[in-house]
Amino acid sequence: MQAQPKIPASPTPPLSNLQLYLLKLYAEGVSEEDLKAIQRMIARYFAEKASAAAKEVWDEKGYTAKQLLEEDMRTPYQNKTE
């Protein structure tokens, strides 16, 4: 009988520092209420970070609210019969 060749296990990337921290936190047990609050805090953090990055680009480009409202930014659609 021939031995079956070993299939190498797919390499798993190491956990990030955030994943390790959350695993330690959740190992202690977290209530559903706390879990929802933590999820909201994380979502708020990344939303604020994205907003700050967008504001930075907005300021770099010199955009104004008036310009945004007046500019036609729609994608022109081509006629499919062409």
Protein backbone atom coordinates (compact mmCIF):
# COMPACT_ATOMS: atom_id res chain seq x y z
CA MET A 1 0.00 0.00 0.00
CA GLN A 2 1.36 3.39 -1.01
CA ALA A 3 1.43 6.22 1.49
CA GLN A 4 -0.77 9.16 0.60
CA PRO A 5 1.23 12.28 -0.18
CA LYS A 6 0.92 14.96 2.47
CA ILE A 7 -0.98 18.01 1.35
CA PRO A 8 0.72 21.06 2.80
CA ALA A 9 -1.55 23.12 5.00
CA SER A 10 -2.31 26.51 3.57
CA PRO A 11 -0.26 29.10 5.38
CA THR A 12 -2.31 31.29 7.66
CA PRO A 13 -1.23 34.85 8.05
CA PRO A 14 -0.36 35.89 11.59
CA LEU A 15 -3.04 37.71 13.54
CA SER A 16 -2.84 41.48 13.60
CA ASN A 17 -2.28 43.37 16.82
CA LEU A 18 -5.96 44.38 16.80
CA GLN A 19 -7.11 40.78 16.37
CA LEU A 20 -4.88 39.65 19.26
CA TYR A 21 -6.21 42.40 21.50
CA LEU A 22 -9.83 41.57 20.68
CA LEU A 23 -9.23 37.87 21.29
CA LYS A 24 -7.87 38.68 24.75
CA LEU A 25 -10.87 40.92 25.42
CA TYR A 26 -13.42 38.36 24.26
CA ALA A 27 -11.71 35.57 26.21
CA GLU A 28 -13.00 37.34 29.32
CA GLY A 29 -16.55 37.21 28.04
CA VAL A 30 -18.43 40.28 26.88
CA SER A 31 -22.16 40.92 27.18
CA GLU A 32 -24.22 41.50 24.03
CA GLU A 33 -24.74 45.10 25.11
CA ASP A 34 -20.99 45.66 25.48
CA LEU A 35 -20.32 43.91 22.18
CA LYS A 36 -22.72 46.24 20.35
CA ALA A 37 -21.13 49.28 22.05
CA ILE A 38 -17.64 48.12 21.03
CA GLN A 39 -18.80 47.57 17.45
CA ARG A 40 -20.24 51.10 17.36
CA MET A 41 -17.00 52.57 18.74
CA ILE A 42 -14.91 50.75 16.14
CA ALA A 43 -17.25 51.82 13.33
CA ARG A 44 -17.21 55.42 14.57
CA TYR A 45 -13.40 55.40 14.75
CA PHE A 46 -13.00 54.23 11.14
CA ALA A 47 -15.73 56.60 9.91
CA GLU A 48 -13.98 59.55 11.55
CA LYS A 49 -10.64 58.44 10.12
CA ALA A 50 -12.12 58.20 6.60
CA SER A 51 -13.84 61.57 7.01
CA ALA A 52 -10.57 63.21 8.07
CA ALA A 53 -8.77 61.72 5.06
CA ALA A 54 -11.53 62.93 2.73
CA LYS A 55 -11.37 66.43 4.28
CA GLU A 56 -7.62 66.50 3.73
CA VAL A 57 -8.05 65.70 0.02
CA TRP A 58 -10.93 68.19 -0.21
CA ASP A 59 -8.69 70.92 1.24
CA GLU A 60 -5.70 69.96 -0.95
CA LYS A 61 -7.82 70.13 -4.10
CA GLY A 62 -9.45 73.39 -3.02
CA TYR A 63 -12.98 72.09 -3.47
CA THR A 64 -15.91 74.22 -2.38
CA ALA A 65 -19.48 73.26 -1.60
CA LYS A 66 -20.70 75.58 -4.37
CA GLN A 67 -18.40 73.87 -6.89
CA LEU A 68 -19.68 70.47 -5.84
CA LEU A 69 -23.31 71.51 -6.22
CA GLU A 70 -22.79 73.14 -9.61
CA GLU A 71 -20.53 70.55 -11.21
CA ASP A 72 -22.12 67.82 -13.32
CA MET A 73 -20.35 64.71 -12.09
CA ARG A 74 -22.63 62.09 -13.59
CA THR A 75 -21.14 59.36 -15.71
CA PRO A 76 -22.12 59.85 -19.34
CA TYR A 77 -23.83 56.76 -20.68
CA GLN A 78 -23.18 55.64 -24.21
CA ASN A 79 -25.96 54.62 -26.50
CA LYS A 80 -25.73 50.82 -26.90
CA THR A 81 -26.84 51.02 -30.55
CA GLU A 82 -23.69 52.88 -31.56
